[in-house]
Amino acid sequence: MTEETPGFEEKPDVPSGAADDAAEAAAETSSTEEGSAAPAGDANQTGTTDQAAGLTAQLDQVRTALSERTADLQRLQAEYQNYRRRVERDRVAVKEVAVANLLGELLPVLDDIGRAREHGELVGGFKSVAESLETVVAKMGLQQFGKEGEPFDPTVHEALMHSYAPDVTETTCVAILQPGYRIGERTIRPARVAVAEPQPGAASAPKEEKSADEESGGPEEG
């Protein structure tokens, strides 16, 4: 009869070759897990790079759109400034035309006032009214021009009478028949004048005398 020792169990014998095979299998499993972990890290890095490239492309698109909108805004602002200047220029031109038309209707009245002043008839209440009217039109920019003795200028003078005079060296206004009026650079009415030109041959005679003196060696001494 065989006696068994209590508390101890018998284990089956494991061949040494089987133990070695188990160790090799465990090592291969660990290597496989490490190999599979490495490609996962590379995939994560590749995804991060692609995401950064996408964000960069979106940023470039936003910058391009911003540049286009800025250029559009600058163009609209320039067009608006040109529009404002054009409107202001037109407004000033319309105002000048309206004032010129109004003052043009008053020129005959101003002519009557001028003739009355020349004849000494500008007296009493008529004088006060006339001076008030002249003050108002002067404030509106009306200027009178045209004086005797000034050179004739066809752009601002209208010659109604023509004559010759020995004491002028060029075409000269010798009489103002009607004064001219302007507003700034705009001529409302040219000055109507009588002009005189030098006598024909008056300029050539001194030249002929001078040439004769030069040929004879100068004037004879007494």
Protein backbone atom coordinates (compact mmCIF):
# COMPACT_ATOMS: atom_id res chain seq x y z
CA MET A 1 0.00 0.00 0.00
CA THR A 2 1.43 3.29 -1.03
CA GLU A 3 1.35 6.30 1.30
CA GLU A 4 0.59 9.80 -0.08
CA THR A 5 2.04 12.89 1.47
CA PRO A 6 -0.76 15.32 2.19
CA GLY A 7 -0.54 18.92 0.67
CA PHE A 8 1.53 18.04 -2.33
CA GLU A 9 0.24 17.36 -5.83
CA GLU A 10 2.16 15.77 -8.50
CA LYS A 11 2.81 17.83 -11.66
CA PRO A 12 3.16 16.30 -15.03
CA ASP A 13 6.57 16.29 -16.50
CA VAL A 14 7.08 18.96 -19.21
CA PRO A 15 9.65 18.23 -21.81
CA SER A 16 12.47 20.74 -22.07
CA GLY A 17 11.87 21.22 -25.81
CA ALA A 18 8.30 22.34 -25.25
CA ALA A 19 9.44 25.03 -22.82
CA ASP A 20 11.86 26.43 -25.35
CA ASP A 21 9.13 26.54 -27.99
CA ALA A 22 6.83 28.45 -25.66
CA ALA A 23 9.55 31.05 -24.95
CA GLU A 24 10.21 31.57 -28.64
CA ALA A 25 6.48 32.00 -29.33
CA ALA A 26 6.22 34.63 -26.60
CA ALA A 27 9.20 36.53 -28.05
CA GLU A 28 7.70 36.49 -31.53
CA THR A 29 4.38 37.80 -30.16
CA SER A 30 6.14 40.69 -28.41
CA SER A 31 8.06 41.55 -31.58
CA THR A 32 4.85 41.51 -33.59
CA GLU A 33 3.15 43.87 -31.15
CA GLU A 34 6.09 46.29 -31.24
CA GLY A 35 6.12 46.20 -35.06
CA SER A 36 2.40 46.94 -35.24
CA ALA A 37 2.76 49.84 -32.78
CA ALA A 38 5.40 51.61 -34.95
CA PRO A 39 3.24 51.98 -38.07
CA ALA A 40 0.44 53.42 -35.94
CA GLY A 41 2.79 56.22 -34.78
CA ASP A 42 3.84 56.96 -38.37
CA ALA A 43 0.19 57.15 -39.43
CA ASN A 44 -0.58 59.67 -36.68
CA GLN A 45 2.38 61.85 -37.76
CA THR A 46 1.29 61.71 -41.42
CA GLY A 47 -2.26 62.76 -40.46
CA THR A 48 -0.95 65.74 -38.49
CA THR A 49 1.16 66.88 -41.50
CA ASP A 50 -1.82 66.63 -43.84
CA GLN A 51 -3.98 68.62 -41.42
CA ALA A 52 -1.33 71.36 -41.18
CA ALA A 53 -1.10 71.50 -44.99
CA GLY A 54 -4.86 71.83 -45.23
CA LEU A 55 -4.91 74.67 -42.70
CA THR A 56 -2.12 76.44 -44.60
CA ALA A 57 -4.08 76.17 -47.85
CA GLN A 58 -7.20 77.55 -46.16
CA LEU A 59 -5.15 80.42 -44.70
CA ASP A 60 -3.80 81.25 -48.17
CA GLN A 61 -7.34 81.29 -49.54
CA VAL A 62 -8.47 83.63 -46.76
CA ARG A 63 -5.54 85.96 -47.41
CA THR A 64 -6.29 86.01 -51.15
CA ALA A 65 -9.96 86.78 -50.51
CA LEU A 66 -8.99 89.52 -48.05
CA SER A 67 -6.64 91.11 -50.59
CA GLU A 68 -9.38 91.06 -53.24
CA ARG A 69 -11.94 92.62 -50.89
CA THR A 70 -9.43 95.28 -49.83
CA ALA A 71 -8.72 96.15 -53.47
CA ASP A 72 -12.47 96.34 -54.16
CA LEU A 73 -12.95 98.65 -51.18
CA GLN A 74 -10.11 100.93 -52.27
CA ARG A 75 -11.53 101.10 -55.81
CA LEU A 76 -15.00 101.94 -54.50
CA GLN A 77 -13.54 104.62 -52.24
CA ALA A 78 -11.63 106.18 -55.16
CA GLU A 79 -14.77 106.13 -57.33
CA TYR A 80 -16.74 107.78 -54.54
CA GLN A 81 -14.14 110.52 -54.11
CA ASN A 82 -14.19 111.17 -57.88
CA TYR A 83 -17.97 111.29 -57.78
CA ARG A 84 -17.93 113.83 -54.95
CA ARG A 85 -15.44 116.05 -56.77
CA ARG A 86 -17.45 115.84 -59.99
CA VAL A 87 -20.68 116.73 -58.17
CA GLU A 88 -19.00 119.66 -56.41
CA ARG A 89 -17.53 120.90 -59.70
CA ASP A 90 -20.92 120.66 -61.41
CA ARG A 91 -22.60 122.43 -58.51
CA VAL A 92 -20.14 125.32 -58.69
CA ALA A 93 -20.54 125.53 -62.49
CA VAL A 94 -24.33 125.59 -62.24
CA LYS A 95 -24.15 128.30 -59.58
CA GLU A 96 -21.81 130.43 -61.71
CA VAL A 97 -24.09 130.09 -64.74
CA ALA A 98 -27.16 131.03 -62.69
CA VAL A 99 -25.43 134.09 -61.19
CA ALA A 100 -24.07 135.12 -64.60
CA ASN A 101 -27.54 134.90 -66.16
CA LEU A 102 -29.05 136.97 -63.36
CA LEU A 103 -26.38 139.66 -63.52
CA GLY A 104 -26.59 139.69 -67.31
CA GLU A 105 -30.20 140.80 -66.99
CA LEU A 106 -29.09 143.67 -64.71
CA LEU A 107 -26.43 145.06 -67.04
CA PRO A 108 -28.79 147.49 -68.83
CA VAL A 109 -29.80 148.90 -65.43
CA LEU A 110 -26.13 149.32 -64.51
CA ASP A 111 -25.54 151.07 -67.85
CA ASP A 112 -28.37 153.50 -67.08
CA ILE A 113 -26.86 154.18 -63.67
CA GLY A 114 -23.47 154.85 -65.26
CA ARG A 115 -24.91 157.31 -67.79
CA ALA A 116 -26.88 159.09 -65.07
CA ARG A 117 -23.69 159.44 -63.04
CA GLU A 118 -21.81 160.91 -66.02
CA HIS A 119 -24.54 163.53 -66.57
CA GLY A 120 -24.82 164.40 -62.87
CA GLU A 121 -28.33 163.03 -62.60
CA LEU A 122 -27.54 160.47 -59.90
CA VAL A 123 -28.98 162.35 -56.92
CA GLY A 124 -31.45 161.88 -54.08
CA GLY A 125 -33.16 158.58 -53.49
CA PHE A 126 -32.20 157.33 -56.95
CA LYS A 127 -28.53 157.65 -55.93
CA SER A 128 -29.06 155.57 -52.79
CA VAL A 129 -30.86 152.82 -54.71
CA ALA A 130 -28.21 152.80 -57.43
CA GLU A 131 -25.35 152.54 -54.93
CA SER A 132 -27.14 149.73 -53.06
CA LEU A 133 -27.59 147.81 -56.31
CA GLU A 134 -23.93 148.26 -57.24
CA THR A 135 -22.91 147.02 -53.79
CA VAL A 136 -25.06 143.90 -54.11
CA VAL A 137 -23.77 142.93 -57.56
CA ALA A 138 -20.19 143.52 -56.40
CA LYS A 139 -20.77 141.08 -53.50
CA MET A 140 -21.98 138.54 -56.06
CA GLY A 141 -18.62 138.81 -57.82
CA LEU A 142 -19.46 141.19 -60.67
CA GLN A 143 -16.44 143.22 -61.80
CA GLN A 144 -16.39 146.08 -64.27
CA PHE A 145 -13.46 146.51 -66.67
CA GLY A 146 -12.41 148.67 -69.58
CA LYS A 147 -10.35 151.89 -69.40
CA GLU A 148 -9.26 154.47 -71.92
CA GLY A 149 -5.65 154.15 -73.02
CA GLU A 150 -5.30 150.41 -72.48
CA PRO A 151 -4.18 148.17 -75.38
CA PHE A 152 -6.97 146.63 -77.43
CA ASP A 153 -7.54 142.95 -76.60
CA PRO A 154 -10.05 141.21 -78.88
CA THR A 155 -10.76 138.59 -76.20
CA VAL A 156 -12.24 141.17 -73.81
CA HIS A 157 -12.90 144.20 -76.05
CA GLU A 158 -15.39 144.73 -78.84
CA ALA A 159 -14.39 147.51 -81.23
CA LEU A 160 -17.37 149.58 -82.40
CA MET A 161 -15.40 152.53 -83.82
CA HIS A 162 -12.03 152.69 -85.56
CA SER A 163 -9.67 155.58 -86.30
CA TYR A 164 -5.98 156.51 -86.69
CA ALA A 165 -3.97 158.61 -84.26
CA PRO A 166 -0.37 159.89 -84.48
CA ASP A 167 0.25 159.57 -80.74
CA VAL A 168 -0.32 155.79 -80.37
CA THR A 169 2.16 153.04 -81.13
CA GLU A 170 -0.32 150.15 -81.09
CA THR A 171 -4.04 149.56 -81.38
CA THR A 172 -5.42 151.35 -78.32
CA CYS A 173 -8.81 151.84 -76.68
CA VAL A 174 -9.38 155.61 -76.89
CA ALA A 175 -12.98 155.64 -75.67
CA ILE A 176 -15.15 153.26 -73.59
CA LEU A 177 -18.62 153.21 -75.07
CA GLN A 178 -19.89 150.53 -72.68
CA PRO A 179 -17.89 148.99 -69.84
CA GLY A 180 -17.32 145.25 -69.79
CA TYR A 181 -18.30 142.97 -66.93
CA ARG A 182 -16.90 139.65 -65.70
CA ILE A 183 -17.34 137.17 -62.84
CA GLY A 184 -14.01 135.65 -61.98
CA GLU A 185 -12.58 134.42 -65.29
CA ARG A 186 -16.00 134.36 -67.01
CA THR A 187 -16.68 137.38 -69.25
CA ILE A 188 -20.36 138.32 -69.16
CA ARG A 189 -20.03 141.15 -71.65
CA PRO A 190 -16.95 142.50 -73.44
CA ALA A 191 -16.11 146.17 -73.16
CA ARG A 192 -17.40 148.04 -76.20
CA VAL A 193 -14.78 150.56 -77.22
CA ALA A 194 -13.51 152.94 -79.88
CA VAL A 195 -10.00 152.08 -80.99
CA ALA A 196 -7.24 154.03 -82.70
CA GLU A 197 -4.29 152.66 -84.67
CA PRO A 198 -0.97 154.37 -85.49
CA GLN A 199 -0.95 156.57 -88.59
CA PRO A 200 0.08 154.61 -91.70
CA GLY A 201 3.72 155.40 -92.49
CA ALA A 202 4.29 157.12 -89.13
CA ALA A 203 6.51 154.32 -87.95
CA SER A 204 8.43 153.96 -91.21
CA ALA A 205 9.30 157.68 -91.55
CA PRO A 206 11.63 157.78 -88.53
CA LYS A 207 13.31 154.60 -89.78
CA GLU A 208 13.94 156.15 -93.19
CA GLU A 209 15.38 159.29 -91.62
CA LYS A 210 17.62 157.17 -89.41
CA SER A 211 18.86 155.18 -92.39
CA ALA A 212 19.66 158.41 -94.30
CA ASP A 213 21.63 159.75 -91.33
CA GLU A 214 23.59 156.49 -91.09
CA GLU A 215 24.48 156.63 -94.80
CA SER A 216 25.67 160.27 -94.61
CA GLY A 217 27.68 159.58 -91.51
CA GLY A 218 25.35 161.36 -89.14
CA PRO A 219 23.75 164.81 -89.04
CA GLU A 220 25.79 167.73 -90.40
CA GLU A 221 27.40 170.00 -87.86
CA GLY A 222 26.71 173.76 -88.20
